[in-house]
């Protein structure tokens, strides 16, 4: 066997191993934020897997998505998985915490600083369709998978359908 053929086989084997041992995904842009408790966090370099949704006030899509995030939060302990709702409206942290309480959100909530730049980065890097339309499962390596919470006709997908899809990615990320 020629050395070049052997080298190609080794490279193909290494590529196959790498593909099988990783969930396909896309890298997140560098998203750092201060949560409502004042801690600085990074989604592109998380300590543990994270489930993330982006929301705005008075958004039906967002309420549907946050219901799915709450179902995930109830199932997985905080030491294993972060569940984060990033609030995209311009508001103070106190207003965000009040909105979360008023709307009944029990997930970790965080204000997104520099909102317009964040939305533009999200749209350009991985085609975010708008707040409340998708849930992102972020692995420790900063790569993510997306689960749609809205179908092709812009109708809500029920939590009973969305949550099992999210959980399948979570299991692979843990």
N, C-alpha and C. Protein backbone atom coordinates (compact mmCIF):
# COMPACT_ATOMS: atom_id res chain seq x y z
N UNK A 1 0.85 -1.17 0.00
CA UNK A 1 0.00 0.00 0.00
C UNK A 1 0.90 1.24 0.00
N UNK A 2 0.54 2.18 -0.83
CA UNK A 2 1.31 3.40 -0.91
C UNK A 2 1.11 4.23 0.35
N UNK A 3 2.11 5.00 0.67
CA UNK A 3 2.05 5.87 1.83
C UNK A 3 0.92 6.89 1.71
N UNK A 4 0.70 7.42 0.51
CA UNK A 4 -0.37 8.41 0.33
C UNK A 4 -1.75 7.78 0.56
N UNK A 5 -1.96 6.54 0.13
CA UNK A 5 -3.23 5.84 0.35
C UNK A 5 -3.44 5.61 1.84
N UNK A 6 -2.39 5.20 2.53
CA UNK A 6 -2.48 4.98 3.96
C UNK A 6 -2.81 6.28 4.70
N UNK A 7 -2.18 7.36 4.29
CA UNK A 7 -2.43 8.65 4.90
C UNK A 7 -3.89 9.08 4.69
N UNK A 8 -4.41 8.87 3.50
CA UNK A 8 -5.81 9.21 3.21
C UNK A 8 -6.75 8.38 4.08
N UNK A 9 -6.48 7.10 4.24
CA UNK A 9 -7.31 6.23 5.07
C UNK A 9 -7.28 6.68 6.54
N UNK A 10 -6.13 7.08 7.01
CA UNK A 10 -6.01 7.56 8.39
C UNK A 10 -6.83 8.84 8.57
N UNK A 11 -6.72 9.75 7.62
CA UNK A 11 -7.47 11.00 7.70
C UNK A 11 -8.98 10.75 7.64
N UNK A 12 -9.41 9.85 6.76
CA UNK A 12 -10.83 9.53 6.69
C UNK A 12 -11.32 8.89 7.98
N UNK A 13 -10.52 8.00 8.56
CA UNK A 13 -10.88 7.37 9.82
C UNK A 13 -11.00 8.39 10.94
N UNK A 14 -10.07 9.32 11.00
CA UNK A 14 -10.10 10.36 12.03
C UNK A 14 -11.32 11.25 11.84
N UNK A 15 -11.63 11.59 10.61
CA UNK A 15 -12.81 12.43 10.34
C UNK A 15 -14.10 11.70 10.72
N UNK A 16 -14.19 10.42 10.40
CA UNK A 16 -15.38 9.64 10.75
C UNK A 16 -15.54 9.56 12.27
N UNK A 17 -14.46 9.34 12.99
CA UNK A 17 -14.52 9.28 14.45
C UNK A 17 -15.00 10.62 15.01
N UNK A 18 -14.43 11.70 14.51
CA UNK A 18 -14.82 13.03 14.99
C UNK A 18 -16.30 13.28 14.71
N UNK A 19 -16.78 12.92 13.54
CA UNK A 19 -18.18 13.14 13.19
C UNK A 19 -19.10 12.32 14.10
N UNK A 20 -18.78 11.07 14.34
CA UNK A 20 -19.62 10.20 15.17
C UNK A 20 -19.63 10.62 16.63
N UNK A 21 -18.54 11.20 17.10
CA UNK A 21 -18.44 11.54 18.52
C UNK A 21 -18.97 12.93 18.85
N UNK A 22 -19.47 13.65 17.86
CA UNK A 22 -20.00 15.00 18.10
C UNK A 22 -21.40 15.13 17.50
N UNK A 23 -22.21 15.91 18.15
CA UNK A 23 -23.50 16.27 17.59
C UNK A 23 -23.23 17.34 16.54
N UNK A 24 -23.77 17.20 15.34
CA UNK A 24 -23.59 18.30 14.39
C UNK A 24 -24.19 19.57 14.98
N UNK A 25 -23.66 20.69 14.60
CA UNK A 25 -24.18 21.95 15.12
C UNK A 25 -23.43 23.12 14.52
N UNK A 26 -23.74 24.29 15.01
CA UNK A 26 -23.15 25.52 14.52
C UNK A 26 -22.60 26.30 15.70
N UNK A 27 -21.47 27.00 15.52
CA UNK A 27 -20.92 27.76 16.64
C UNK A 27 -21.73 29.02 16.91
N UNK A 28 -21.96 29.30 18.18
CA UNK A 28 -22.64 30.53 18.57
C UNK A 28 -21.68 31.71 18.44
N UNK A 29 -22.22 32.89 18.13
CA UNK A 29 -21.37 34.07 18.23
C UNK A 29 -21.03 34.30 19.69
N UNK A 30 -20.03 35.12 19.96
CA UNK A 30 -19.63 35.38 21.34
C UNK A 30 -20.71 36.19 22.02
N UNK A 31 -21.53 35.52 22.84
CA UNK A 31 -22.62 36.18 23.55
C UNK A 31 -22.32 36.11 25.03
N UNK A 32 -21.99 37.26 25.60
CA UNK A 32 -21.81 37.35 27.04
C UNK A 32 -22.86 38.31 27.57
N UNK A 33 -23.33 38.06 28.76
CA UNK A 33 -24.37 38.89 29.33
C UNK A 33 -24.28 38.83 30.85
N UNK A 34 -24.89 39.82 31.48
CA UNK A 34 -25.02 39.81 32.93
C UNK A 34 -26.44 39.37 33.24
N UNK A 35 -26.58 38.33 34.04
CA UNK A 35 -27.93 37.87 34.37
C UNK A 35 -28.56 38.76 35.44
N UNK A 36 -29.82 38.49 35.78
CA UNK A 36 -30.50 39.37 36.73
C UNK A 36 -29.93 39.26 38.13
N UNK A 37 -29.10 38.26 38.39
CA UNK A 37 -28.40 38.17 39.67
C UNK A 37 -27.05 38.89 39.63
N UNK A 38 -26.70 39.47 38.46
CA UNK A 38 -25.46 40.23 38.34
C UNK A 38 -24.25 39.41 37.92
N UNK A 39 -24.41 38.12 37.66
CA UNK A 39 -23.29 37.29 37.24
C UNK A 39 -23.08 37.43 35.73
N UNK A 40 -21.81 37.52 35.32
CA UNK A 40 -21.50 37.55 33.90
C UNK A 40 -21.41 36.12 33.40
N UNK A 41 -22.10 35.85 32.31
CA UNK A 41 -22.13 34.51 31.72
C UNK A 41 -21.79 34.59 30.24
N UNK A 42 -21.35 33.48 29.69
CA UNK A 42 -21.04 33.40 28.27
C UNK A 42 -21.72 32.18 27.67
N UNK A 43 -22.47 32.41 26.60
CA UNK A 43 -23.10 31.28 25.91
C UNK A 43 -22.14 30.58 24.96
N UNK A 44 -21.12 31.28 24.50
CA UNK A 44 -20.19 30.65 23.57
C UNK A 44 -19.15 29.80 24.29
N UNK A 45 -19.05 29.94 25.61
CA UNK A 45 -18.14 29.12 26.42
C UNK A 45 -18.83 28.73 27.73
N UNK A 46 -19.92 27.97 27.63
CA UNK A 46 -20.67 27.66 28.86
C UNK A 46 -19.98 26.63 29.74
N UNK A 47 -20.23 26.71 31.06
CA UNK A 47 -19.71 25.73 32.02
C UNK A 47 -20.40 24.38 31.86
N UNK A 48 -21.66 24.45 31.45
CA UNK A 48 -22.49 23.25 31.29
C UNK A 48 -23.42 23.50 30.11
N UNK A 49 -24.04 22.46 29.59
CA UNK A 49 -24.97 22.69 28.48
C UNK A 49 -26.05 23.70 28.89
N UNK A 50 -26.58 24.39 27.89
CA UNK A 50 -27.61 25.39 28.15
C UNK A 50 -28.73 25.25 27.13
N UNK A 51 -29.92 25.57 27.57
CA UNK A 51 -31.08 25.68 26.69
C UNK A 51 -31.48 27.14 26.72
N UNK A 52 -31.57 27.76 25.54
CA UNK A 52 -31.72 29.21 25.47
C UNK A 52 -32.90 29.57 24.57
N UNK A 53 -33.63 30.57 25.02
CA UNK A 53 -34.68 31.16 24.20
C UNK A 53 -34.57 32.67 24.27
N UNK A 54 -34.94 33.34 23.20
CA UNK A 54 -34.91 34.80 23.14
C UNK A 54 -36.34 35.29 23.16
N UNK A 55 -36.65 36.27 24.01
CA UNK A 55 -38.04 36.72 24.15
C UNK A 55 -38.15 38.21 24.26
N UNK A 56 -39.34 38.72 23.96
CA UNK A 56 -39.67 40.13 24.12
C UNK A 56 -41.02 40.20 24.83
N UNK A 57 -41.34 41.36 25.36
CA UNK A 57 -42.60 41.54 26.08
C UNK A 57 -43.79 41.42 25.14
N UNK A 58 -44.90 40.92 25.67
CA UNK A 58 -46.18 40.84 24.96
C UNK A 58 -46.07 40.10 23.62
N UNK A 59 -45.38 38.98 23.61
CA UNK A 59 -45.15 38.20 22.39
C UNK A 59 -45.76 36.81 22.60
N UNK A 60 -46.78 36.47 21.82
CA UNK A 60 -47.41 35.16 21.93
C UNK A 60 -46.44 34.02 21.64
N UNK A 61 -45.59 34.18 20.62
CA UNK A 61 -44.59 33.16 20.31
C UNK A 61 -43.68 32.93 21.52
N UNK A 62 -43.32 34.04 22.17
CA UNK A 62 -42.40 33.95 23.30
C UNK A 62 -43.05 33.22 24.48
N UNK A 63 -44.32 33.49 24.73
CA UNK A 63 -45.02 32.81 25.82
C UNK A 63 -45.06 31.30 25.58
N UNK A 64 -45.32 30.92 24.33
CA UNK A 64 -45.32 29.50 23.97
C UNK A 64 -43.94 28.89 24.20
N UNK A 65 -42.89 29.58 23.74
CA UNK A 65 -41.52 29.10 23.89
C UNK A 65 -41.13 29.01 25.36
N UNK A 66 -41.49 30.03 26.15
CA UNK A 66 -41.11 30.03 27.56
C UNK A 66 -41.80 28.89 28.31
N UNK A 67 -43.00 28.50 27.88
CA UNK A 67 -43.65 27.34 28.48
C UNK A 67 -42.81 26.08 28.27
N UNK A 68 -42.24 25.93 27.08
CA UNK A 68 -41.37 24.78 26.81
C UNK A 68 -40.09 24.86 27.65
N UNK A 69 -39.54 26.07 27.78
CA UNK A 69 -38.33 26.23 28.61
C UNK A 69 -38.62 25.88 30.07
N UNK A 70 -39.79 26.27 30.56
CA UNK A 70 -40.16 25.94 31.94
C UNK A 70 -40.27 24.43 32.13
N UNK A 71 -40.83 23.73 31.14
CA UNK A 71 -40.95 22.27 31.24
C UNK A 71 -39.57 21.62 31.31
N UNK A 72 -38.61 22.16 30.55
CA UNK A 72 -37.24 21.64 30.58
C UNK A 72 -36.61 21.94 31.94
N UNK A 73 -36.80 23.16 32.46
CA UNK A 73 -36.22 23.54 33.76
C UNK A 73 -36.73 22.62 34.86
N UNK A 74 -37.99 22.25 34.82
CA UNK A 74 -38.56 21.38 35.86
C UNK A 74 -37.96 19.99 35.82
N UNK A 75 -37.51 19.54 34.67
CA UNK A 75 -37.01 18.17 34.53
C UNK A 75 -35.52 18.03 34.86
N UNK A 76 -34.72 19.06 34.58
CA UNK A 76 -33.26 18.95 34.72
C UNK A 76 -32.76 19.84 35.85
N UNK A 77 -31.90 19.30 36.72
CA UNK A 77 -31.37 20.10 37.83
C UNK A 77 -30.43 21.21 37.33
N UNK A 78 -30.42 22.30 38.09
CA UNK A 78 -29.61 23.46 37.69
C UNK A 78 -28.12 23.17 37.63
N UNK A 79 -27.62 22.18 38.38
CA UNK A 79 -26.20 21.89 38.33
C UNK A 79 -25.81 21.13 37.07
N UNK A 80 -26.78 20.62 36.32
CA UNK A 80 -26.50 19.87 35.08
C UNK A 80 -26.76 20.69 33.82
N UNK A 81 -27.69 21.66 33.92
CA UNK A 81 -28.16 22.35 32.72
C UNK A 81 -28.61 23.76 33.06
N UNK A 82 -28.16 24.74 32.27
CA UNK A 82 -28.68 26.09 32.39
C UNK A 82 -29.88 26.23 31.45
N UNK A 83 -30.92 26.87 31.91
CA UNK A 83 -32.06 27.21 31.07
C UNK A 83 -32.16 28.73 31.13
N UNK A 84 -32.00 29.38 29.98
CA UNK A 84 -31.85 30.84 29.95
C UNK A 84 -32.88 31.44 29.00
N UNK A 85 -33.55 32.49 29.46
CA UNK A 85 -34.39 33.31 28.60
C UNK A 85 -33.73 34.66 28.46
N UNK A 86 -33.29 35.01 27.26
CA UNK A 86 -32.65 36.31 27.04
C UNK A 86 -33.72 37.31 26.58
N UNK A 87 -33.90 38.35 27.36
CA UNK A 87 -34.90 39.37 27.10
C UNK A 87 -34.32 40.41 26.15
N UNK A 88 -34.98 40.62 25.00
CA UNK A 88 -34.40 41.47 23.96
C UNK A 88 -34.94 42.90 23.95
N UNK A 89 -35.90 43.21 24.81
CA UNK A 89 -36.36 44.59 24.89
C UNK A 89 -35.37 45.42 25.70
N UNK A 90 -35.31 46.71 25.41
CA UNK A 90 -34.51 47.61 26.22
C UNK A 90 -35.26 47.84 27.53
N UNK A 91 -34.69 47.41 28.64
CA UNK A 91 -35.34 47.58 29.94
C UNK A 91 -34.29 47.41 31.03
N UNK A 92 -34.62 47.92 32.19
CA UNK A 92 -33.72 47.73 33.33
C UNK A 92 -33.85 46.30 33.84
N UNK A 93 -32.85 45.88 34.61
CA UNK A 93 -32.89 44.53 35.16
C UNK A 93 -34.09 44.35 36.08
N UNK A 94 -34.45 45.40 36.84
CA UNK A 94 -35.62 45.33 37.73
C UNK A 94 -36.90 45.14 36.91
N UNK A 95 -37.00 45.85 35.77
CA UNK A 95 -38.18 45.71 34.92
C UNK A 95 -38.25 44.30 34.31
N UNK A 96 -37.09 43.75 33.96
CA UNK A 96 -37.06 42.39 33.41
C UNK A 96 -37.50 41.38 34.46
N UNK A 97 -36.98 41.53 35.66
CA UNK A 97 -37.37 40.61 36.74
C UNK A 97 -38.87 40.73 37.03
N UNK A 98 -39.40 41.97 37.00
CA UNK A 98 -40.83 42.17 37.24
C UNK A 98 -41.66 41.55 36.11
N UNK A 99 -41.21 41.71 34.87
CA UNK A 99 -41.93 41.11 33.74
C UNK A 99 -41.91 39.59 33.84
N UNK A 100 -40.79 39.05 34.23
CA UNK A 100 -40.68 37.60 34.38
C UNK A 100 -41.65 37.10 35.45
N UNK A 101 -41.70 37.81 36.55
CA UNK A 101 -42.61 37.41 37.63
C UNK A 101 -44.06 37.57 37.20
N UNK A 102 -44.37 38.69 36.55
CA UNK A 102 -45.73 38.97 36.10
C UNK A 102 -46.20 37.92 35.08
N UNK A 103 -45.30 37.52 34.17
CA UNK A 103 -45.66 36.57 33.13
C UNK A 103 -45.45 35.12 33.57
N UNK A 104 -44.96 34.93 34.78
CA UNK A 104 -44.85 33.59 35.34
C UNK A 104 -43.67 32.78 34.86
N UNK A 105 -42.60 33.42 34.41
CA UNK A 105 -41.44 32.68 33.93
C UNK A 105 -40.56 32.30 35.10
N UNK A 106 -40.27 31.01 35.20
CA UNK A 106 -39.46 30.51 36.32
C UNK A 106 -38.08 30.07 35.87
N UNK A 107 -37.71 30.37 34.63
CA UNK A 107 -36.37 30.02 34.16
C UNK A 107 -35.42 31.15 34.52
N UNK A 108 -34.12 30.90 34.39
CA UNK A 108 -33.13 31.96 34.59
C UNK A 108 -33.35 32.98 33.50
N UNK A 109 -33.53 34.22 33.88
CA UNK A 109 -33.75 35.27 32.90
C UNK A 109 -32.57 36.22 32.88
N UNK A 110 -32.28 36.75 31.71
CA UNK A 110 -31.14 37.64 31.59
C UNK A 110 -31.45 38.74 30.59
N UNK A 111 -31.06 39.97 30.90
CA UNK A 111 -31.20 41.03 29.92
C UNK A 111 -30.10 40.89 28.87
N UNK A 112 -30.42 41.14 27.63
CA UNK A 112 -29.41 41.10 26.58
C UNK A 112 -28.90 42.52 26.38
N UNK A 113 -27.63 42.74 26.70
CA UNK A 113 -27.04 44.05 26.51
C UNK A 113 -26.80 44.29 25.01
N UNK A 114 -26.81 45.56 24.62
CA UNK A 114 -26.59 45.92 23.22
C UNK A 114 -27.54 45.12 22.35
N UNK A 115 -28.81 45.27 22.62
CA UNK A 115 -29.85 44.45 22.00
C UNK A 115 -29.77 44.41 20.49
N UNK A 116 -29.67 45.55 19.82
CA UNK A 116 -29.69 45.55 18.36
C UNK A 116 -28.50 44.79 17.78
N UNK A 117 -27.31 44.97 18.36
CA UNK A 117 -26.14 44.25 17.86
C UNK A 117 -26.30 42.75 18.08
N UNK A 118 -26.89 42.37 19.20
CA UNK A 118 -27.09 40.94 19.47
C UNK A 118 -28.06 40.34 18.46
N UNK A 119 -29.18 41.01 18.21
CA UNK A 119 -30.16 40.49 17.25
C UNK A 119 -29.52 40.36 15.87
N UNK A 120 -28.76 41.37 15.45
CA UNK A 120 -28.11 41.31 14.15
C UNK A 120 -27.11 40.16 14.08
N UNK A 121 -26.34 39.95 15.17
CA UNK A 121 -25.39 38.84 15.19
C UNK A 121 -26.11 37.50 15.12
N UNK A 122 -27.20 37.38 15.85
CA UNK A 122 -27.97 36.13 15.83
C UNK A 122 -28.57 35.88 14.45
N UNK A 123 -29.10 36.92 13.83
CA UNK A 123 -29.69 36.74 12.50
C UNK A 123 -28.64 36.38 11.46
N UNK A 124 -27.50 37.03 11.51
CA UNK A 124 -26.48 36.76 10.50
C UNK A 124 -25.75 35.45 10.72
N UNK A 125 -25.54 35.05 11.97
CA UNK A 125 -24.77 33.83 12.24
C UNK A 125 -25.58 32.56 12.15
N UNK A 126 -26.84 32.59 12.60
CA UNK A 126 -27.60 31.35 12.49
C UNK A 126 -29.09 31.57 12.25
N UNK A 127 -29.40 32.60 11.50
CA UNK A 127 -30.74 32.81 10.96
C UNK A 127 -31.84 32.73 12.00
N UNK A 128 -31.66 33.41 13.12
CA UNK A 128 -32.75 33.48 14.09
C UNK A 128 -33.95 34.10 13.38
N UNK A 129 -35.11 33.48 13.54
CA UNK A 129 -36.29 33.93 12.82
C UNK A 129 -37.07 34.97 13.59
N UNK A 130 -36.69 35.23 14.80
CA UNK A 130 -37.38 36.21 15.63
C UNK A 130 -37.53 35.66 17.03
N UNK A 131 -37.72 36.52 18.00
CA UNK A 131 -37.88 36.06 19.38
C UNK A 131 -39.03 35.07 19.51
N UNK A 132 -38.83 34.06 20.34
CA UNK A 132 -39.88 33.11 20.64
C UNK A 132 -40.12 32.02 19.62
N UNK A 133 -39.43 32.06 18.51
CA UNK A 133 -39.68 31.09 17.45
C UNK A 133 -38.81 29.84 17.53
N UNK A 134 -37.71 29.91 18.26
CA UNK A 134 -36.79 28.78 18.33
C UNK A 134 -36.22 28.65 19.73
N UNK A 135 -35.82 27.42 20.06
CA UNK A 135 -35.08 27.13 21.29
C UNK A 135 -33.73 26.59 20.86
N UNK A 136 -32.68 27.04 21.53
CA UNK A 136 -31.32 26.66 21.18
C UNK A 136 -30.74 25.80 22.30
N UNK A 137 -30.16 24.66 21.94
CA UNK A 137 -29.49 23.79 22.89
C UNK A 137 -28.00 23.97 22.65
N UNK A 138 -27.30 24.54 23.63
CA UNK A 138 -25.89 24.91 23.48
C UNK A 138 -25.04 23.89 24.24
N UNK A 139 -24.10 23.30 23.53
CA UNK A 139 -23.18 22.34 24.16
C UNK A 139 -22.03 23.09 24.83
N UNK A 140 -21.24 22.37 25.60
CA UNK A 140 -20.09 22.98 26.30
C UNK A 140 -19.06 23.56 25.34
N UNK A 141 -19.01 23.03 24.11
CA UNK A 141 -18.03 23.54 23.15
C UNK A 141 -18.52 24.79 22.42
N UNK A 142 -19.72 25.29 22.80
CA UNK A 142 -20.25 26.51 22.19
C UNK A 142 -21.01 26.27 20.90
N UNK A 143 -21.19 25.02 20.49
CA UNK A 143 -21.99 24.72 19.31
C UNK A 143 -23.43 24.50 19.75
N UNK A 144 -24.37 24.70 18.84
CA UNK A 144 -25.77 24.61 19.22
C UNK A 144 -26.58 23.85 18.18
N UNK A 145 -27.75 23.41 18.61
CA UNK A 145 -28.80 22.87 17.76
C UNK A 145 -30.03 23.72 17.98
N UNK A 146 -30.87 23.84 16.99
CA UNK A 146 -32.06 24.67 17.09
C UNK A 146 -33.31 23.81 16.95
N UNK A 147 -34.31 24.07 17.80
CA UNK A 147 -35.61 23.41 17.71
C UNK A 147 -36.65 24.50 17.50
N UNK A 148 -37.42 24.37 16.44
CA UNK A 148 -38.45 25.36 16.12
C UNK A 148 -39.65 25.21 17.05
N UNK A 149 -40.18 26.34 17.50
CA UNK A 149 -41.40 26.33 18.31
C UNK A 149 -42.59 26.81 17.49
N UNK A 150 -42.34 27.15 16.23
CA UNK A 150 -43.37 27.62 15.31
C UNK A 150 -43.23 26.81 14.02
N UNK A 151 -44.37 26.39 13.44
CA UNK A 151 -44.30 25.59 12.21
C UNK A 151 -44.21 26.48 10.97
N UNK A 152 -44.25 25.86 9.80
CA UNK A 152 -44.11 26.60 8.53
C UNK A 152 -45.22 27.63 8.31
N UNK A 153 -46.39 27.40 8.91
CA UNK A 153 -47.51 28.33 8.76
C UNK A 153 -47.54 29.38 9.87
N UNK A 154 -46.47 29.46 10.66
CA UNK A 154 -46.37 30.39 11.79
C UNK A 154 -47.34 30.08 12.91
N UNK A 155 -47.76 28.83 13.03
CA UNK A 155 -48.60 28.40 14.14
C UNK A 155 -47.71 27.84 15.24
N UNK A 156 -48.16 27.96 16.49
CA UNK A 156 -47.42 27.42 17.62
C UNK A 156 -47.30 25.90 17.48
N UNK A 157 -46.14 25.38 17.81
CA UNK A 157 -45.98 23.93 17.98
C UNK A 157 -46.18 23.67 19.47
N UNK A 158 -46.98 22.70 19.81
CA UNK A 158 -47.28 22.39 21.19
C UNK A 158 -46.03 21.96 21.96
N UNK A 159 -46.00 22.30 23.25
CA UNK A 159 -44.88 21.89 24.11
C UNK A 159 -44.70 20.38 24.10
N UNK A 160 -45.81 19.64 23.98
CA UNK A 160 -45.72 18.18 23.98
C UNK A 160 -44.93 17.65 22.79
N UNK A 161 -44.77 18.46 21.75
CA UNK A 161 -43.97 18.09 20.58
C UNK A 161 -42.56 18.68 20.69
N UNK A 162 -42.49 19.94 21.12
CA UNK A 162 -41.21 20.66 21.18
C UNK A 162 -40.28 20.09 22.26
N UNK A 163 -40.82 19.88 23.46
CA UNK A 163 -39.98 19.46 24.59
C UNK A 163 -39.25 18.14 24.33
N UNK A 164 -39.89 17.10 23.79
CA UNK A 164 -39.13 15.87 23.50
C UNK A 164 -37.98 16.09 22.50
N UNK A 165 -38.18 16.98 21.52
CA UNK A 165 -37.10 17.29 20.59
C UNK A 165 -35.94 17.96 21.32
N UNK A 166 -36.27 18.92 22.18
CA UNK A 166 -35.25 19.61 22.96
C UNK A 166 -34.52 18.61 23.87
N UNK A 167 -35.28 17.74 24.52
CA UNK A 167 -34.68 16.76 25.43
C UNK A 167 -33.75 15.79 24.70
N UNK A 168 -34.06 15.45 23.47
CA UNK A 168 -33.17 14.56 22.71
C UNK A 168 -31.80 15.20 22.51
N UNK A 169 -31.78 16.49 22.20
CA UNK A 169 -30.50 17.20 22.06
C UNK A 169 -29.80 17.37 23.41
N UNK A 170 -30.59 17.61 24.45
CA UNK A 170 -30.00 17.75 25.78
C UNK A 170 -29.28 16.48 26.17
N UNK A 171 -29.90 15.34 25.95
CA UNK A 171 -29.28 14.05 26.30
C UNK A 171 -27.94 13.87 25.61
N UNK A 172 -27.86 14.29 24.36
CA UNK A 172 -26.60 14.19 23.61
C UNK A 172 -25.57 15.19 24.13
N UNK A 173 -26.04 16.33 24.63
CA UNK A 173 -25.13 17.39 25.10
C UNK A 173 -24.61 17.11 26.51
N UNK A 174 -25.38 16.36 27.30
CA UNK A 174 -24.95 16.06 28.67
C UNK A 174 -23.84 15.06 28.60
